[in-house]
Amino acid sequence: KNLYKQIRDSTYLKLNSQLSLIPSIDIWHVHSHQMECFAWYAPNFISGAEQVDEEIIEILWSTIN
């Protein structure tokens, strides 16, 4: 909810005015929200949204651990 405010107030972050952001909640995390959040914020229902490997952190961590 506060992303635009945080960017606006930041010394270092700038947002391209032509960029359109669509709020979403990670598919694993959205299930812990209220059920109505699922239809609005799950990437499954956002046209053009892509999902990356949810295990990427574990994959990267295994090489340095």
PDB file of N, CA and C in Angstrom:
ATOM      1  N   LYS A   1       0.819  -1.197   0.000  1.00  0.00           N
ATOM      2  CA  LYS A   1       0.000   0.000   0.000  1.00  0.00           C
ATOM      3  C   LYS A   1       0.864   1.262   0.000  1.00  0.00           C
ATOM      4  N   ASN A   2       2.002   1.173   0.604  1.00  0.00           N
ATOM      5  CA  ASN A   2       2.829   2.361   0.780  1.00  0.00           C
ATOM      6  C   ASN A   2       3.968   2.470  -0.224  1.00  0.00           C
ATOM      7  N   LEU A   3       3.981   1.633  -1.248  1.00  0.00           N
ATOM      8  CA  LEU A   3       5.097   1.638  -2.186  1.00  0.00           C
ATOM      9  C   LEU A   3       5.310   2.998  -2.829  1.00  0.00           C
ATOM     10  N   TYR A   4       4.247   3.592  -3.352  1.00  0.00           N
ATOM     11  CA  TYR A   4       4.393   4.888  -4.022  1.00  0.00           C
ATOM     12  C   TYR A   4       4.897   5.958  -3.061  1.00  0.00           C
ATOM     13  N   LYS A   5       4.419   5.948  -1.825  1.00  0.00           N
ATOM     14  CA  LYS A   5       4.878   6.918  -0.832  1.00  0.00           C
ATOM     15  C   LYS A   5       6.348   6.690  -0.502  1.00  0.00           C
ATOM     16  N   GLN A   6       6.741   5.437  -0.340  1.00  0.00           N
ATOM     17  CA  GLN A   6       8.129   5.131  -0.027  1.00  0.00           C
ATOM     18  C   GLN A   6       9.056   5.564  -1.154  1.00  0.00           C
ATOM     19  N   ILE A   7       8.648   5.342  -2.383  1.00  0.00           N
ATOM     20  CA  ILE A   7       9.460   5.766  -3.526  1.00  0.00           C
ATOM     21  C   ILE A   7       9.514   7.283  -3.593  1.00  0.00           C
ATOM     22  N   ARG A   8       8.384   7.931  -3.425  1.00  0.00           N
ATOM     23  CA  ARG A   8       8.326   9.396  -3.474  1.00  0.00           C
ATOM     24  C   ARG A   8       9.205  10.024  -2.394  1.00  0.00           C
ATOM     25  N   ASP A   9       9.211   9.430  -1.206  1.00  0.00           N
ATOM     26  CA  ASP A   9       9.979   9.970  -0.086  1.00  0.00           C
ATOM     27  C   ASP A   9      11.454   9.567  -0.110  1.00  0.00           C
ATOM     28  N   SER A  10      11.824   8.675  -1.006  1.00  0.00           N
ATOM     29  CA  SER A  10      13.188   8.159  -1.037  1.00  0.00           C
ATOM     30  C   SER A  10      14.151   9.121  -1.729  1.00  0.00           C
ATOM     31  N   THR A  11      15.351   9.155  -1.216  1.00  0.00           N
ATOM     32  CA  THR A  11      16.417   9.931  -1.846  1.00  0.00           C
ATOM     33  C   THR A  11      16.953   9.197  -3.067  1.00  0.00           C
ATOM     34  N   TYR A  12      16.891   7.880  -3.050  1.00  0.00           N
ATOM     35  CA  TYR A  12      17.562   7.072  -4.060  1.00  0.00           C
ATOM     36  C   TYR A  12      16.647   6.440  -5.102  1.00  0.00           C
ATOM     37  N   LEU A  13      15.387   6.257  -4.780  1.00  0.00           N
ATOM     38  CA  LEU A  13      14.479   5.581  -5.702  1.00  0.00           C
ATOM     39  C   LEU A  13      13.693   6.572  -6.538  1.00  0.00           C
ATOM     40  N   LYS A  14      13.535   6.252  -7.803  1.00  0.00           N
ATOM     41  CA  LYS A  14      12.709   7.051  -8.711  1.00  0.00           C
ATOM     42  C   LYS A  14      11.851   6.085  -9.518  1.00  0.00           C
ATOM     43  N   LEU A  15      10.637   6.478  -9.810  1.00  0.00           N
ATOM     44  CA  LEU A  15       9.720   5.641 -10.568  1.00  0.00           C
ATOM     45  C   LEU A  15       9.418   6.325 -11.892  1.00  0.00           C
ATOM     46  N   ASN A  16       9.609   5.604 -12.976  1.00  0.00           N
ATOM     47  CA  ASN A  16       9.295   6.121 -14.299  1.00  0.00           C
ATOM     48  C   ASN A  16       7.798   6.411 -14.369  1.00  0.00           C
ATOM     49  N   SER A  17       7.435   7.615 -14.765  1.00  0.00           N
ATOM     50  CA  SER A  17       6.022   8.011 -14.792  1.00  0.00           C
ATOM     51  C   SER A  17       5.205   7.214 -15.810  1.00  0.00           C
ATOM     52  N   GLN A  18       5.867   6.588 -16.774  1.00  0.00           N
ATOM     53  CA  GLN A  18       5.159   5.795 -17.777  1.00  0.00           C
ATOM     54  C   GLN A  18       4.981   4.338 -17.349  1.00  0.00           C
ATOM     55  N   LEU A  19       5.570   3.978 -16.220  1.00  0.00           N
ATOM     56  CA  LEU A  19       5.476   2.617 -15.719  1.00  0.00           C
ATOM     57  C   LEU A  19       4.169   2.427 -14.960  1.00  0.00           C
ATOM     58  N   SER A  20       3.482   1.356 -15.255  1.00  0.00           N
ATOM     59  CA  SER A  20       2.237   1.037 -14.561  1.00  0.00           C
ATOM     60  C   SER A  20       2.472  -0.197 -13.691  1.00  0.00           C
ATOM     61  N   LEU A  21       2.283  -0.044 -12.392  1.00  0.00           N
ATOM     62  CA  LEU A  21       2.460  -1.165 -11.473  1.00  0.00           C
ATOM     63  C   LEU A  21       1.109  -1.753 -11.096  1.00  0.00           C
ATOM     64  N   ILE A  22       1.038  -3.062 -11.092  1.00  0.00           N
ATOM     65  CA  ILE A  22      -0.173  -3.768 -10.690  1.00  0.00           C
ATOM     66  C   ILE A  22       0.149  -4.508  -9.394  1.00  0.00           C
ATOM     67  N   PRO A  23      -0.536  -4.188  -8.301  1.00  0.00           N
ATOM     68  CA  PRO A  23      -0.227  -4.856  -7.038  1.00  0.00           C
ATOM     69  C   PRO A  23      -0.537  -6.345  -7.096  1.00  0.00           C
ATOM     70  N   SER A  24       0.312  -7.122  -6.477  1.00  0.00           N
ATOM     71  CA  SER A  24       0.143  -8.565  -6.455  1.00  0.00           C
ATOM     72  C   SER A  24       0.759  -9.116  -5.170  1.00  0.00           C
ATOM     73  N   ILE A  25       0.344 -10.299  -4.794  1.00  0.00           N
ATOM     74  CA  ILE A  25       0.902 -10.984  -3.626  1.00  0.00           C
ATOM     75  C   ILE A  25       1.416 -12.334  -4.104  1.00  0.00           C
ATOM     76  N   ASP A  26       2.622 -12.668  -3.717  1.00  0.00           N
ATOM     77  CA  ASP A  26       3.216 -13.941  -4.095  1.00  0.00           C
ATOM     78  C   ASP A  26       2.219 -15.079  -3.877  1.00  0.00           C
ATOM     79  N   ILE A  27       2.188 -16.016  -4.804  1.00  0.00           N
ATOM     80  CA  ILE A  27       1.172 -17.068  -4.779  1.00  0.00           C
ATOM     81  C   ILE A  27       1.213 -17.895  -3.494  1.00  0.00           C
ATOM     82  N   TRP A  28       2.388 -18.114  -2.934  1.00  0.00           N
ATOM     83  CA  TRP A  28       2.471 -18.866  -1.681  1.00  0.00           C
ATOM     84  C   TRP A  28       1.953 -18.041  -0.516  1.00  0.00           C
ATOM     85  N   HIS A  29       2.169 -16.753  -0.563  1.00  0.00           N
ATOM     86  CA  HIS A  29       1.783 -15.868   0.533  1.00  0.00           C
ATOM     87  C   HIS A  29       0.302 -15.467   0.470  1.00  0.00           C
ATOM     88  N   VAL A  30      -0.257 -15.376  -0.727  1.00  0.00           N
ATOM     89  CA  VAL A  30      -1.636 -14.904  -0.886  1.00  0.00           C
ATOM     90  C   VAL A  30      -2.631 -15.823  -0.177  1.00  0.00           C
ATOM     91  N   HIS A  31      -2.286 -17.093  -0.048  1.00  0.00           N
ATOM     92  CA  HIS A  31      -3.193 -18.034   0.616  1.00  0.00           C
ATOM     93  C   HIS A  31      -3.320 -17.769   2.112  1.00  0.00           C
ATOM     94  N   SER A  32      -2.375 -17.059   2.688  1.00  0.00           N
ATOM     95  CA  SER A  32      -2.469 -16.747   4.116  1.00  0.00           C
ATOM     96  C   SER A  32      -3.287 -15.480   4.364  1.00  0.00           C
ATOM     97  N   HIS A  33      -3.709 -14.827   3.289  1.00  0.00           N
ATOM     98  CA  HIS A  33      -4.554 -13.635   3.408  1.00  0.00           C
ATOM     99  C   HIS A  33      -6.022 -14.049   3.393  1.00  0.00           C
ATOM    100  N   GLN A  34      -6.889 -13.078   3.490  1.00  0.00           N
ATOM    101  CA  GLN A  34      -8.320 -13.366   3.397  1.00  0.00           C
ATOM    102  C   GLN A  34      -8.620 -13.925   2.010  1.00  0.00           C
ATOM    103  N   MET A  35      -9.624 -14.755   1.911  1.00  0.00           N
ATOM    104  CA  MET A  35      -9.938 -15.417   0.646  1.00  0.00           C
ATOM    105  C   MET A  35     -10.190 -14.430  -0.486  1.00  0.00           C
ATOM    106  N   GLU A  36     -10.786 -13.271  -0.184  1.00  0.00           N
ATOM    107  CA  GLU A  36     -11.057 -12.309  -1.261  1.00  0.00           C
ATOM    108  C   GLU A  36      -9.772 -11.711  -1.841  1.00  0.00           C
ATOM    109  N   CYS A  37      -8.669 -11.788  -1.114  1.00  0.00           N
ATOM    110  CA  CYS A  37      -7.384 -11.305  -1.640  1.00  0.00           C
ATOM    111  C   CYS A  37      -6.921 -12.163  -2.810  1.00  0.00           C
ATOM    112  N   PHE A  38      -7.262 -13.451  -2.775  1.00  0.00           N
ATOM    113  CA  PHE A  38      -6.768 -14.378  -3.788  1.00  0.00           C
ATOM    114  C   PHE A  38      -7.155 -13.935  -5.195  1.00  0.00           C
ATOM    115  N   ALA A  39      -8.425 -13.666  -5.412  1.00  0.00           N
ATOM    116  CA  ALA A  39      -8.889 -13.289  -6.751  1.00  0.00           C
ATOM    117  C   ALA A  39      -8.325 -11.947  -7.209  1.00  0.00           C
ATOM    118  N   TRP A  40      -8.079 -11.041  -6.273  1.00  0.00           N
ATOM    119  CA  TRP A  40      -7.590  -9.708  -6.639  1.00  0.00           C
ATOM    120  C   TRP A  40      -6.074  -9.641  -6.806  1.00  0.00           C
ATOM    121  N   TYR A  41      -5.347 -10.382  -5.985  1.00  0.00           N
ATOM    122  CA  TYR A  41      -3.900 -10.178  -5.923  1.00  0.00           C
ATOM    123  C   TYR A  41      -3.038 -11.368  -6.326  1.00  0.00           C
ATOM    124  N   ALA A  42      -3.630 -12.532  -6.563  1.00  0.00           N
ATOM    125  CA  ALA A  42      -2.833 -13.687  -6.979  1.00  0.00           C
ATOM    126  C   ALA A  42      -2.328 -13.466  -8.403  1.00  0.00           C
ATOM    127  N   PRO A  43      -1.045 -13.709  -8.656  1.00  0.00           N
ATOM    128  CA  PRO A  43      -0.500 -13.497  -9.996  1.00  0.00           C
ATOM    129  C   PRO A  43      -1.169 -14.368 -11.057  1.00  0.00           C
ATOM    130  N   ASN A  44      -1.828 -15.441 -10.637  1.00  0.00           N
ATOM    131  CA  ASN A  44      -2.516 -16.320 -11.591  1.00  0.00           C
ATOM    132  C   ASN A  44      -3.568 -15.576 -12.400  1.00  0.00           C
ATOM    133  N   PHE A  45      -4.141 -14.525 -11.834  1.00  0.00           N
ATOM    134  CA  PHE A  45      -5.250 -13.825 -12.474  1.00  0.00           C
ATOM    135  C   PHE A  45      -4.857 -12.462 -13.042  1.00  0.00           C
ATOM    136  N   ILE A  46      -3.576 -12.146 -13.048  1.00  0.00           N
ATOM    137  CA  ILE A  46      -3.115 -10.856 -13.562  1.00  0.00           C
ATOM    138  C   ILE A  46      -2.534 -11.082 -14.950  1.00  0.00           C
ATOM    139  N   SER A  47      -3.171 -10.511 -15.943  1.00  0.00           N
ATOM    140  CA  SER A  47      -2.740 -10.681 -17.323  1.00  0.00           C
ATOM    141  C   SER A  47      -1.305 -10.185 -17.494  1.00  0.00           C
ATOM    142  N   GLY A  48      -0.465 -11.029 -18.057  1.00  0.00           N
ATOM    143  CA  GLY A  48       0.920 -10.654 -18.301  1.00  0.00           C
ATOM    144  C   GLY A  48       1.862 -10.936 -17.148  1.00  0.00           C
ATOM    145  N   ALA A  49       1.321 -11.320 -15.995  1.00  0.00           N
ATOM    146  CA  ALA A  49       2.183 -11.614 -14.843  1.00  0.00           C
ATOM    147  C   ALA A  49       2.890 -12.943 -15.068  1.00  0.00           C
ATOM    148  N   GLU A  50       4.120 -12.990 -14.632  1.00  0.00           N
ATOM    149  CA  GLU A  50       4.884 -14.225 -14.742  1.00  0.00           C
ATOM    150  C   GLU A  50       5.349 -14.652 -13.364  1.00  0.00           C
ATOM    151  N   GLN A  51       5.476 -15.936 -13.182  1.00  0.00           N
ATOM    152  CA  GLN A  51       5.970 -16.458 -11.918  1.00  0.00           C
ATOM    153  C   GLN A  51       7.352 -17.060 -12.147  1.00  0.00           C
ATOM    154  N   VAL A  52       8.236 -16.808 -11.205  1.00  0.00           N
ATOM    155  CA  VAL A  52       9.561 -17.410 -11.264  1.00  0.00           C
ATOM    156  C   VAL A  52       9.631 -18.522 -10.232  1.00  0.00           C
ATOM    157  N   ASP A  53      10.684 -19.269 -10.288  1.00  0.00           N
ATOM    158  CA  ASP A  53      10.876 -20.382  -9.368  1.00  0.00           C
ATOM    159  C   ASP A  53      10.788 -19.901  -7.928  1.00  0.00           C
ATOM    160  N   GLU A  54       9.846 -20.435  -7.180  1.00  0.00           N
ATOM    161  CA  GLU A  54       9.650 -20.039  -5.783  1.00  0.00           C
ATOM    162  C   GLU A  54      10.797 -20.494  -4.888  1.00  0.00           C
ATOM    163  N   GLU A  55      11.605 -21.415  -5.372  1.00  0.00           N
ATOM    164  CA  GLU A  55      12.668 -21.979  -4.546  1.00  0.00           C
ATOM    165  C   GLU A  55      14.018 -21.344  -4.863  1.00  0.00           C
ATOM    166  N   ILE A  56      14.040 -20.237  -5.569  1.00  0.00           N
ATOM    167  CA  ILE A  56      15.302 -19.649  -6.018  1.00  0.00           C
ATOM    168  C   ILE A  56      16.237 -19.326  -4.856  1.00  0.00           C
ATOM    169  N   ILE A  57      15.707 -18.867  -3.742  1.00  0.00           N
ATOM    170  CA  ILE A  57      16.565 -18.555  -2.594  1.00  0.00           C
ATOM    171  C   ILE A  57      17.269 -19.815  -2.098  1.00  0.00           C
ATOM    172  N   GLU A  58      16.536 -20.924  -1.998  1.00  0.00           N
ATOM    173  CA  GLU A  58      17.148 -22.166  -1.553  1.00  0.00           C
ATOM    174  C   GLU A  58      18.201 -22.645  -2.544  1.00  0.00           C
ATOM    175  N   ILE A  59      17.937 -22.490  -3.824  1.00  0.00           N
ATOM    176  CA  ILE A  59      18.895 -22.905  -4.846  1.00  0.00           C
ATOM    177  C   ILE A  59      20.178 -22.088  -4.729  1.00  0.00           C
ATOM    178  N   LEU A  60      20.048 -20.782  -4.596  1.00  0.00           N
ATOM    179  CA  LEU A  60      21.224 -19.927  -4.471  1.00  0.00           C
ATOM    180  C   LEU A  60      21.960 -20.193  -3.165  1.00  0.00           C
ATOM    181  N   TRP A  61      21.216 -20.401  -2.101  1.00  0.00           N
ATOM    182  CA  TRP A  61      21.812 -20.624  -0.785  1.00  0.00           C
ATOM    183  C   TRP A  61      22.631 -21.917  -0.771  1.00  0.00           C
ATOM    184  N   SER A  62      22.161 -22.938  -1.457  1.00  0.00           N
ATOM    185  CA  SER A  62      22.842 -24.234  -1.409  1.00  0.00           C
ATOM    186  C   SER A  62      24.255 -24.165  -1.974  1.00  0.00           C
ATOM    187  N   THR A  63      24.518 -23.263  -2.889  1.00  0.00           N
ATOM    188  CA  THR A  63      25.860 -23.162  -3.474  1.00  0.00           C
ATOM    189  C   THR A  63      26.856 -22.494  -2.538  1.00  0.00           C
ATOM    190  N   ILE A  64      26.380 -21.684  -1.606  1.00  0.00           N
ATOM    191  CA  ILE A  64      27.306 -21.008  -0.697  1.00  0.00           C
ATOM    192  C   ILE A  64      27.285 -21.593   0.705  1.00  0.00           C
ATOM    193  N   ASN A  65      26.399 -22.515   0.942  1.00  0.00           N
ATOM    194  CA  ASN A  65      26.284 -23.101   2.277  1.00  0.00           C
ATOM    195  C   ASN A  65      27.137 -24.344   2.393  1.00  0.00           C
TER     196      ASN A  65
END
